[in-house]
Amino acid sequence: MEQHEYRKLTDGEMRILEKLLSPSFPGRDELLDQATHCEAQETGDPDNYGSIRLRTTSSRRADVDRRVPVEEIVKGDGSPLNAQLDPERLEVRVN
């Protein structure tokens, strides 16, 4: 599997993160801060539709007891995009 370099988030990726983090839930503010200070790396999975791994320079950590699953349907080019934020692994999975 090819290793991709970390890069700045695209405007579209940032909009998806902001949409995923728009509902109120425990740890949301910390995750939003992390999102504004992060870089993305393509996961390189062969069956991947744009999933990315995130790396943040923010020192804020979400004080939660367990993972907070967040899922959102986002319309981009007119077709639905199912994106899931996994803060434990710092990935956004796109189905």
PDB file of N, CA and C in Angstrom:
ATOM      1  N   MET A   1       0.839  -1.174   0.000  1.00  0.00           N
ATOM      2  CA  MET A   1       0.000   0.000   0.000  1.00  0.00           C
ATOM      3  C   MET A   1       0.888   1.243   0.000  1.00  0.00           C
ATOM      4  N   GLU A   2       0.578   2.168  -0.891  1.00  0.00           N
ATOM      5  CA  GLU A   2       1.358   3.398  -1.023  1.00  0.00           C
ATOM      6  C   GLU A   2       1.153   4.307   0.188  1.00  0.00           C
ATOM      7  N   GLN A   3       2.235   4.885   0.692  1.00  0.00           N
ATOM      8  CA  GLN A   3       2.179   5.811   1.828  1.00  0.00           C
ATOM      9  C   GLN A   3       2.055   7.242   1.287  1.00  0.00           C
ATOM     10  N   HIS A   4       0.988   7.934   1.653  1.00  0.00           N
ATOM     11  CA  HIS A   4       0.770   9.300   1.216  1.00  0.00           C
ATOM     12  C   HIS A   4       1.290  10.271   2.275  1.00  0.00           C
ATOM     13  N   GLU A   5       1.733  11.428   1.830  1.00  0.00           N
ATOM     14  CA  GLU A   5       2.223  12.466   2.740  1.00  0.00           C
ATOM     15  C   GLU A   5       1.051  13.208   3.376  1.00  0.00           C
ATOM     16  N   TYR A   6       1.284  13.761   4.564  1.00  0.00           N
ATOM     17  CA  TYR A   6       0.283  14.632   5.175  1.00  0.00           C
ATOM     18  C   TYR A   6       0.276  15.962   4.434  1.00  0.00           C
ATOM     19  N   ARG A   7      -0.910  16.533   4.320  1.00  0.00           N
ATOM     20  CA  ARG A   7      -1.091  17.781   3.587  1.00  0.00           C
ATOM     21  C   ARG A   7      -2.177  18.604   4.271  1.00  0.00           C
ATOM     22  N   LYS A   8      -2.301  19.847   3.867  1.00  0.00           N
ATOM     23  CA  LYS A   8      -3.349  20.721   4.375  1.00  0.00           C
ATOM     24  C   LYS A   8      -4.709  20.178   3.923  1.00  0.00           C
ATOM     25  N   LEU A   9      -5.724  20.324   4.763  1.00  0.00           N
ATOM     26  CA  LEU A   9      -7.069  19.914   4.379  1.00  0.00           C
ATOM     27  C   LEU A   9      -7.561  20.748   3.203  1.00  0.00           C
ATOM     28  N   THR A  10      -8.298  20.123   2.309  1.00  0.00           N
ATOM     29  CA  THR A  10      -8.938  20.886   1.244  1.00  0.00           C
ATOM     30  C   THR A  10     -10.136  21.634   1.838  1.00  0.00           C
ATOM     31  N   ASP A  11     -10.632  22.631   1.124  1.00  0.00           N
ATOM     32  CA  ASP A  11     -11.817  23.357   1.597  1.00  0.00           C
ATOM     33  C   ASP A  11     -12.994  22.400   1.766  1.00  0.00           C
ATOM     34  N   GLY A  12     -13.141  21.469   0.842  1.00  0.00           N
ATOM     35  CA  GLY A  12     -14.230  20.500   0.924  1.00  0.00           C
ATOM     36  C   GLY A  12     -14.114  19.589   2.138  1.00  0.00           C
ATOM     37  N   GLU A  13     -12.895  19.133   2.438  1.00  0.00           N
ATOM     38  CA  GLU A  13     -12.677  18.280   3.622  1.00  0.00           C
ATOM     39  C   GLU A  13     -12.987  19.051   4.896  1.00  0.00           C
ATOM     40  N   MET A  14     -12.591  20.318   4.940  1.00  0.00           N
ATOM     41  CA  MET A  14     -12.868  21.125   6.136  1.00  0.00           C
ATOM     42  C   MET A  14     -14.367  21.342   6.294  1.00  0.00           C
ATOM     43  N   ARG A  15     -15.080  21.563   5.190  1.00  0.00           N
ATOM     44  CA  ARG A  15     -16.539  21.730   5.268  1.00  0.00           C
ATOM     45  C   ARG A  15     -17.203  20.462   5.790  1.00  0.00           C
ATOM     46  N   ILE A  16     -16.713  19.297   5.358  1.00  0.00           N
ATOM     47  CA  ILE A  16     -17.265  18.030   5.843  1.00  0.00           C
ATOM     48  C   ILE A  16     -17.010  17.892   7.344  1.00  0.00           C
ATOM     49  N   LEU A  17     -15.788  18.185   7.791  1.00  0.00           N
ATOM     50  CA  LEU A  17     -15.490  18.113   9.230  1.00  0.00           C
ATOM     51  C   LEU A  17     -16.383  19.054  10.024  1.00  0.00           C
ATOM     52  N   GLU A  18     -16.540  20.281   9.536  1.00  0.00           N
ATOM     53  CA  GLU A  18     -17.396  21.247  10.234  1.00  0.00           C
ATOM     54  C   GLU A  18     -18.834  20.748  10.299  1.00  0.00           C
ATOM     55  N   LYS A  19     -19.322  20.128   9.223  1.00  0.00           N
ATOM     56  CA  LYS A  19     -20.680  19.570   9.212  1.00  0.00           C
ATOM     57  C   LYS A  19     -20.786  18.416  10.197  1.00  0.00           C
ATOM     58  N   LEU A  20     -19.781  17.527  10.223  1.00  0.00           N
ATOM     59  CA  LEU A  20     -19.792  16.412  11.167  1.00  0.00           C
ATOM     60  C   LEU A  20     -19.766  16.888  12.608  1.00  0.00           C
ATOM     61  N   LEU A  21     -19.109  18.021  12.834  1.00  0.00           N
ATOM     62  CA  LEU A  21     -18.966  18.536  14.201  1.00  0.00           C
ATOM     63  C   LEU A  21     -20.012  19.598  14.540  1.00  0.00           C
ATOM     64  N   SER A  22     -21.025  19.772  13.709  1.00  0.00           N
ATOM     65  CA  SER A  22     -22.030  20.801  13.977  1.00  0.00           C
ATOM     66  C   SER A  22     -23.013  20.441  15.103  1.00  0.00           C
ATOM     67  N   PRO A  23     -23.405  19.170  15.289  1.00  0.00           N
ATOM     68  CA  PRO A  23     -24.289  18.867  16.423  1.00  0.00           C
ATOM     69  C   PRO A  23     -23.534  18.996  17.750  1.00  0.00           C
ATOM     70  N   SER A  24     -24.274  19.247  18.795  1.00  0.00           N
ATOM     71  CA  SER A  24     -23.661  19.344  20.127  1.00  0.00           C
ATOM     72  C   SER A  24     -23.529  17.938  20.726  1.00  0.00           C
ATOM     73  N   PHE A  25     -22.330  17.583  21.177  1.00  0.00           N
ATOM     74  CA  PHE A  25     -22.080  16.318  21.865  1.00  0.00           C
ATOM     75  C   PHE A  25     -20.827  16.479  22.712  1.00  0.00           C
ATOM     76  N   PRO A  26     -20.632  15.636  23.726  1.00  0.00           N
ATOM     77  CA  PRO A  26     -19.452  15.758  24.583  1.00  0.00           C
ATOM     78  C   PRO A  26     -18.162  15.649  23.774  1.00  0.00           C
ATOM     79  N   GLY A  27     -17.255  16.603  23.951  1.00  0.00           N
ATOM     80  CA  GLY A  27     -15.976  16.603  23.262  1.00  0.00           C
ATOM     81  C   GLY A  27     -15.990  17.346  21.937  1.00  0.00           C
ATOM     82  N   ARG A  28     -17.152  17.826  21.505  1.00  0.00           N
ATOM     83  CA  ARG A  28     -17.289  18.497  20.212  1.00  0.00           C
ATOM     84  C   ARG A  28     -16.386  19.712  20.069  1.00  0.00           C
ATOM     85  N   ASP A  29     -16.357  20.581  21.077  1.00  0.00           N
ATOM     86  CA  ASP A  29     -15.553  21.806  20.981  1.00  0.00           C
ATOM     87  C   ASP A  29     -14.061  21.488  20.835  1.00  0.00           C
ATOM     88  N   GLU A  30     -13.609  20.489  21.571  1.00  0.00           N
ATOM     89  CA  GLU A  30     -12.201  20.095  21.478  1.00  0.00           C
ATOM     90  C   GLU A  30     -11.884  19.505  20.105  1.00  0.00           C
ATOM     91  N   LEU A  31     -12.792  18.682  19.580  1.00  0.00           N
ATOM     92  CA  LEU A  31     -12.581  18.101  18.254  1.00  0.00           C
ATOM     93  C   LEU A  31     -12.607  19.172  17.165  1.00  0.00           C
ATOM     94  N   LEU A  32     -13.469  20.181  17.325  1.00  0.00           N
ATOM     95  CA  LEU A  32     -13.509  21.269  16.357  1.00  0.00           C
ATOM     96  C   LEU A  32     -12.197  22.055  16.379  1.00  0.00           C
ATOM     97  N   ASP A  33     -11.645  22.274  17.578  1.00  0.00           N
ATOM     98  CA  ASP A  33     -10.343  22.931  17.683  1.00  0.00           C
ATOM     99  C   ASP A  33      -9.259  22.086  17.016  1.00  0.00           C
ATOM    100  N   GLN A  34      -9.300  20.776  17.247  1.00  0.00           N
ATOM    101  CA  GLN A  34      -8.330  19.887  16.605  1.00  0.00           C
ATOM    102  C   GLN A  34      -8.459  19.955  15.081  1.00  0.00           C
ATOM    103  N   ALA A  35      -9.690  20.026  14.589  1.00  0.00           N
ATOM    104  CA  ALA A  35      -9.927  20.059  13.144  1.00  0.00           C
ATOM    105  C   ALA A  35      -9.336  21.306  12.503  1.00  0.00           C
ATOM    106  N   THR A  36      -9.357  22.423  13.215  1.00  0.00           N
ATOM    107  CA  THR A  36      -8.824  23.660  12.637  1.00  0.00           C
ATOM    108  C   THR A  36      -7.300  23.689  12.669  1.00  0.00           C
ATOM    109  N   HIS A  37      -6.686  22.710  13.321  1.00  0.00           N
ATOM    110  CA  HIS A  37      -5.229  22.629  13.411  1.00  0.00           C
ATOM    111  C   HIS A  37      -4.724  21.273  12.905  1.00  0.00           C
ATOM    112  N   CYS A  38      -5.336  20.763  11.841  1.00  0.00           N
ATOM    113  CA  CYS A  38      -4.911  19.423  11.423  1.00  0.00           C
ATOM    114  C   CYS A  38      -4.514  19.357   9.960  1.00  0.00           C
ATOM    115  N   GLU A  39      -3.843  18.261   9.661  1.00  0.00           N
ATOM    116  CA  GLU A  39      -3.435  17.917   8.308  1.00  0.00           C
ATOM    117  C   GLU A  39      -4.067  16.569   7.973  1.00  0.00           C
ATOM    118  N   ALA A  40      -4.198  16.297   6.682  1.00  0.00           N
ATOM    119  CA  ALA A  40      -4.830  15.062   6.235  1.00  0.00           C
ATOM    120  C   ALA A  40      -3.841  14.188   5.482  1.00  0.00           C
ATOM    121  N   GLN A  41      -4.087  12.904   5.543  1.00  0.00           N
ATOM    122  CA  GLN A  41      -3.319  11.924   4.780  1.00  0.00           C
ATOM    123  C   GLN A  41      -4.322  10.930   4.199  1.00  0.00           C
ATOM    124  N   GLU A  42      -4.251  10.693   2.900  1.00  0.00           N
ATOM    125  CA  GLU A  42      -5.121   9.693   2.298  1.00  0.00           C
ATOM    126  C   GLU A  42      -4.765   8.338   2.883  1.00  0.00           C
ATOM    127  N   THR A  43      -5.790   7.533   3.188  1.00  0.00           N
ATOM    128  CA  THR A  43      -5.520   6.235   3.808  1.00  0.00           C
ATOM    129  C   THR A  43      -4.918   5.249   2.825  1.00  0.00           C
ATOM    130  N   GLY A  44      -5.176   5.420   1.530  1.00  0.00           N
ATOM    131  CA  GLY A  44      -4.595   4.540   0.527  1.00  0.00           C
ATOM    132  C   GLY A  44      -5.290   3.204   0.387  1.00  0.00           C
ATOM    133  N   ASP A  45      -6.422   3.021   1.059  1.00  0.00           N
ATOM    134  CA  ASP A  45      -7.174   1.776   0.923  1.00  0.00           C
ATOM    135  C   ASP A  45      -7.675   1.645  -0.512  1.00  0.00           C
ATOM    136  N   PRO A  46      -7.537   0.467  -1.126  1.00  0.00           N
ATOM    137  CA  PRO A  46      -7.958   0.311  -2.523  1.00  0.00           C
ATOM    138  C   PRO A  46      -9.459   0.509  -2.731  1.00  0.00           C
ATOM    139  N   ASP A  47     -10.281   0.223  -1.715  1.00  0.00           N
ATOM    140  CA  ASP A  47     -11.728   0.392  -1.850  1.00  0.00           C
ATOM    141  C   ASP A  47     -12.204   1.700  -1.226  1.00  0.00           C
ATOM    142  N   ASN A  48     -11.314   2.645  -1.103  1.00  0.00           N
ATOM    143  CA  ASN A  48     -11.531   3.906  -0.416  1.00  0.00           C
ATOM    144  C   ASN A  48     -12.165   4.927  -1.362  1.00  0.00           C
ATOM    145  N   TYR A  49     -13.080   5.727  -0.811  1.00  0.00           N
ATOM    146  CA  TYR A  49     -13.760   6.764  -1.590  1.00  0.00           C
ATOM    147  C   TYR A  49     -13.354   8.157  -1.125  1.00  0.00           C
ATOM    148  N   GLY A  50     -12.180   8.298  -0.588  1.00  0.00           N
ATOM    149  CA  GLY A  50     -11.725   9.599  -0.115  1.00  0.00           C
ATOM    150  C   GLY A  50     -11.497   9.652   1.388  1.00  0.00           C
ATOM    151  N   SER A  51     -11.416   8.493   2.042  1.00  0.00           N
ATOM    152  CA  SER A  51     -11.167   8.466   3.488  1.00  0.00           C
ATOM    153  C   SER A  51      -9.800   9.064   3.779  1.00  0.00           C
ATOM    154  N   ILE A  52      -9.719   9.784   4.893  1.00  0.00           N
ATOM    155  CA  ILE A  52      -8.463  10.419   5.271  1.00  0.00           C
ATOM    156  C   ILE A  52      -8.134  10.150   6.735  1.00  0.00           C
ATOM    157  N   ARG A  53      -6.862  10.147   7.044  1.00  0.00           N
ATOM    158  CA  ARG A  53      -6.339  10.062   8.405  1.00  0.00           C
ATOM    159  C   ARG A  53      -5.952  11.490   8.775  1.00  0.00           C
ATOM    160  N   LEU A  54      -6.212  11.884  10.009  1.00  0.00           N
ATOM    161  CA  LEU A  54      -5.931  13.252  10.438  1.00  0.00           C
ATOM    162  C   LEU A  54      -4.832  13.289  11.475  1.00  0.00           C
ATOM    163  N   ARG A  55      -4.071  14.376  11.448  1.00  0.00           N
ATOM    164  CA  ARG A  55      -3.019  14.628  12.442  1.00  0.00           C
ATOM    165  C   ARG A  55      -3.194  16.077  12.872  1.00  0.00           C
ATOM    166  N   THR A  56      -3.247  16.299  14.188  1.00  0.00           N
ATOM    167  CA  THR A  56      -3.474  17.656  14.691  1.00  0.00           C
ATOM    168  C   THR A  56      -2.298  18.144  15.523  1.00  0.00           C
ATOM    169  N   THR A  57      -2.121  19.454  15.528  1.00  0.00           N
ATOM    170  CA  THR A  57      -1.107  20.065  16.389  1.00  0.00           C
ATOM    171  C   THR A  57      -1.753  20.690  17.619  1.00  0.00           C
ATOM    172  N   SER A  58      -3.081  20.587  17.711  1.00  0.00           N
ATOM    173  CA  SER A  58      -3.803  21.133  18.864  1.00  0.00           C
ATOM    174  C   SER A  58      -3.487  20.313  20.107  1.00  0.00           C
ATOM    175  N   SER A  59      -3.311  20.982  21.219  1.00  0.00           N
ATOM    176  CA  SER A  59      -3.058  20.275  22.478  1.00  0.00           C
ATOM    177  C   SER A  59      -4.364  19.967  23.213  1.00  0.00           C
ATOM    178  N   ARG A  60      -5.487  20.451  22.702  1.00  0.00           N
ATOM    179  CA  ARG A  60      -6.785  20.179  23.342  1.00  0.00           C
ATOM    180  C   ARG A  60      -7.198  18.741  23.061  1.00  0.00           C
ATOM    181  N   ARG A  61      -7.644  18.060  24.098  1.00  0.00           N
ATOM    182  CA  ARG A  61      -8.110  16.685  23.973  1.00  0.00           C
ATOM    183  C   ARG A  61      -9.556  16.607  24.458  1.00  0.00           C
ATOM    184  N   ALA A  62     -10.342  15.809  23.774  1.00  0.00           N
ATOM    185  CA  ALA A  62     -11.736  15.618  24.171  1.00  0.00           C
ATOM    186  C   ALA A  62     -11.778  14.733  25.414  1.00  0.00           C
ATOM    187  N   ASP A  63     -12.445  15.206  26.451  1.00  0.00           N
ATOM    188  CA  ASP A  63     -12.562  14.471  27.705  1.00  0.00           C
ATOM    189  C   ASP A  63     -13.836  13.623  27.654  1.00  0.00           C
ATOM    190  N   VAL A  64     -13.732  12.468  26.994  1.00  0.00           N
ATOM    191  CA  VAL A  64     -14.876  11.568  26.847  1.00  0.00           C
ATOM    192  C   VAL A  64     -14.496  10.183  27.342  1.00  0.00           C
ATOM    193  N   ASP A  65     -15.499   9.425  27.786  1.00  0.00           N
ATOM    194  CA  ASP A  65     -15.275   8.077  28.292  1.00  0.00           C
ATOM    195  C   ASP A  65     -15.174   7.041  27.190  1.00  0.00           C
ATOM    196  N   ARG A  66     -15.807   7.325  26.064  1.00  0.00           N
ATOM    197  CA  ARG A  66     -15.809   6.383  24.952  1.00  0.00           C
ATOM    198  C   ARG A  66     -15.879   7.150  23.636  1.00  0.00           C
ATOM    199  N   ARG A  67     -15.719   6.430  22.537  1.00  0.00           N
ATOM    200  CA  ARG A  67     -15.807   7.048  21.224  1.00  0.00           C
ATOM    201  C   ARG A  67     -17.151   7.722  21.025  1.00  0.00           C
ATOM    202  N   VAL A  68     -17.142   8.807  20.309  1.00  0.00           N
ATOM    203  CA  VAL A  68     -18.366   9.522  19.971  1.00  0.00           C
ATOM    204  C   VAL A  68     -18.568   9.368  18.468  1.00  0.00           C
ATOM    205  N   PRO A  69     -19.457   8.433  18.056  1.00  0.00           N
ATOM    206  CA  PRO A  69     -19.661   8.272  16.622  1.00  0.00           C
ATOM    207  C   PRO A  69     -20.473   9.430  16.059  1.00  0.00           C
ATOM    208  N   VAL A  70     -20.023   9.972  14.965  1.00  0.00           N
ATOM    209  CA  VAL A  70     -20.730  11.059  14.293  1.00  0.00           C
ATOM    210  C   VAL A  70     -20.854  10.649  12.837  1.00  0.00           C
ATOM    211  N   GLU A  71     -22.056  10.728  12.320  1.00  0.00           N
ATOM    212  CA  GLU A  71     -22.289  10.346  10.935  1.00  0.00           C
ATOM    213  C   GLU A  71     -23.194  11.388  10.306  1.00  0.00           C
ATOM    214  N   GLU A  72     -22.928  11.722   9.062  1.00  0.00           N
ATOM    215  CA  GLU A  72     -23.680  12.776   8.385  1.00  0.00           C
ATOM    216  C   GLU A  72     -23.769  12.452   6.900  1.00  0.00           C
ATOM    217  N   ILE A  73     -24.881  12.783   6.310  1.00  0.00           N
ATOM    218  CA  ILE A  73     -25.029  12.705   4.859  1.00  0.00           C
ATOM    219  C   ILE A  73     -24.772  14.104   4.322  1.00  0.00           C
ATOM    220  N   VAL A  74     -23.774  14.237   3.482  1.00  0.00           N
ATOM    221  CA  VAL A  74     -23.375  15.536   2.937  1.00  0.00           C
ATOM    222  C   VAL A  74     -23.553  15.475   1.432  1.00  0.00           C
ATOM    223  N   LYS A  75     -24.178  16.492   0.860  1.00  0.00           N
ATOM    224  CA  LYS A  75     -24.330  16.534  -0.602  1.00  0.00           C
ATOM    225  C   LYS A  75     -23.210  17.367  -1.186  1.00  0.00           C
ATOM    226  N   GLY A  76     -22.487  16.804  -2.122  1.00  0.00           N
ATOM    227  CA  GLY A  76     -21.398  17.511  -2.788  1.00  0.00           C
ATOM    228  C   GLY A  76     -21.798  17.851  -4.205  1.00  0.00           C
ATOM    229  N   ASP A  77     -21.670  16.883  -5.083  1.00  0.00           N
ATOM    230  CA  ASP A  77     -21.995  17.098  -6.497  1.00  0.00           C
ATOM    231  C   ASP A  77     -23.431  16.702  -6.801  1.00  0.00           C
ATOM    232  N   GLY A  78     -24.271  16.606  -5.787  1.00  0.00           N
ATOM    233  CA  GLY A  78     -25.660  16.219  -5.983  1.00  0.00           C
ATOM    234  C   GLY A  78     -25.959  14.828  -5.475  1.00  0.00           C
ATOM    235  N   SER A  79     -24.929  13.987  -5.329  1.00  0.00           N
ATOM    236  CA  SER A  79     -25.148  12.654  -4.786  1.00  0.00           C
ATOM    237  C   SER A  79     -24.777  12.649  -3.305  1.00  0.00           C
ATOM    238  N   PRO A  80     -25.489  11.855  -2.490  1.00  0.00           N
ATOM    239  CA  PRO A  80     -25.192  11.832  -1.053  1.00  0.00           C
ATOM    240  C   PRO A  80     -23.793  11.280  -0.776  1.00  0.00           C
ATOM    241  N   LEU A  81     -23.148  11.829   0.231  1.00  0.00           N
ATOM    242  CA  LEU A  81     -21.840  11.370   0.675  1.00  0.00           C
ATOM    243  C   LEU A  81     -21.989  10.972   2.134  1.00  0.00           C
ATOM    244  N   ASN A  82     -21.747   9.714   2.448  1.00  0.00           N
ATOM    245  CA  ASN A  82     -21.860   9.230   3.810  1.00  0.00           C
ATOM    246  C   ASN A  82     -20.479   9.307   4.443  1.00  0.00           C
ATOM    247  N   ALA A  83     -20.306  10.192   5.428  1.00  0.00           N
ATOM    248  CA  ALA A  83     -19.006  10.369   6.075  1.00  0.00           C
ATOM    249  C   ALA A  83     -19.149  10.090   7.564  1.00  0.00           C
ATOM    250  N   GLN A  84     -18.177   9.398   8.142  1.00  0.00           N
ATOM    251  CA  GLN A  84     -18.174   9.061   9.562  1.00  0.00           C
ATOM    252  C   GLN A  84     -16.878   9.535  10.188  1.00  0.00           C
ATOM    253  N   LEU A  85     -16.989  10.247  11.298  1.00  0.00           N
ATOM    254  CA  LEU A  85     -15.820  10.731  12.019  1.00  0.00           C
ATOM    255  C   LEU A  85     -15.495   9.748  13.125  1.00  0.00           C
ATOM    256  N   ASP A  86     -14.269   9.259  13.144  1.00  0.00           N
ATOM    257  CA  ASP A  86     -13.827   8.346  14.192  1.00  0.00           C
ATOM    258  C   ASP A  86     -12.719   9.044  14.965  1.00  0.00           C
ATOM    259  N   PRO A  87     -13.060   9.752  16.053  1.00  0.00           N
ATOM    260  CA  PRO A  87     -12.046  10.525  16.774  1.00  0.00           C
ATOM    261  C   PRO A  87     -11.011   9.671  17.487  1.00  0.00           C
ATOM    262  N   GLU A  88     -11.303   8.390  17.727  1.00  0.00           N
ATOM    263  CA  GLU A  88     -10.323   7.548  18.400  1.00  0.00           C
ATOM    264  C   GLU A  88      -9.130   7.270  17.490  1.00  0.00           C
ATOM    265  N   ARG A  89      -9.406   7.071  16.201  1.00  0.00           N
ATOM    266  CA  ARG A  89      -8.334   6.795  15.253  1.00  0.00           C
ATOM    267  C   ARG A  89      -7.997   8.011  14.408  1.00  0.00           C
ATOM    268  N   LEU A  90      -8.688   9.124  14.634  1.00  0.00           N
ATOM    269  CA  LEU A  90      -8.490  10.360  13.857  1.00  0.00           C
ATOM    270  C   LEU A  90      -8.580  10.081  12.363  1.00  0.00           C
ATOM    271  N   GLU A  91      -9.711   9.515  11.964  1.00  0.00           N
ATOM    272  CA  GLU A  91      -9.966   9.261  10.556  1.00  0.00           C
ATOM    273  C   GLU A  91     -11.366   9.733  10.195  1.00  0.00           C
ATOM    274  N   VAL A  92     -11.530  10.103   8.957  1.00  0.00           N
ATOM    275  CA  VAL A  92     -12.851  10.345   8.392  1.00  0.00           C
ATOM    276  C   VAL A  92     -13.036   9.287   7.317  1.00  0.00           C
ATOM    277  N   ARG A  93     -14.000   8.404   7.516  1.00  0.00           N
ATOM    278  CA  ARG A  93     -14.283   7.336   6.564  1.00  0.00           C
ATOM    279  C   ARG A  93     -15.400   7.795   5.646  1.00  0.00           C
ATOM    280  N   VAL A  94     -15.214   7.637   4.367  1.00  0.00           N
ATOM    281  CA  VAL A  94     -16.223   8.011   3.380  1.00  0.00           C
ATOM    282  C   VAL A  94     -16.693   6.748   2.687  1.00  0.00           C
ATOM    283  N   ASN A  95     -17.997   6.539   2.708  1.00  0.00           N
ATOM    284  CA  ASN A  95     -18.597   5.349   2.086  1.00  0.00           C
ATOM    285  C   ASN A  95     -19.337   5.733   0.823  1.00  0.00           C
TER     286      ASN A  95
END
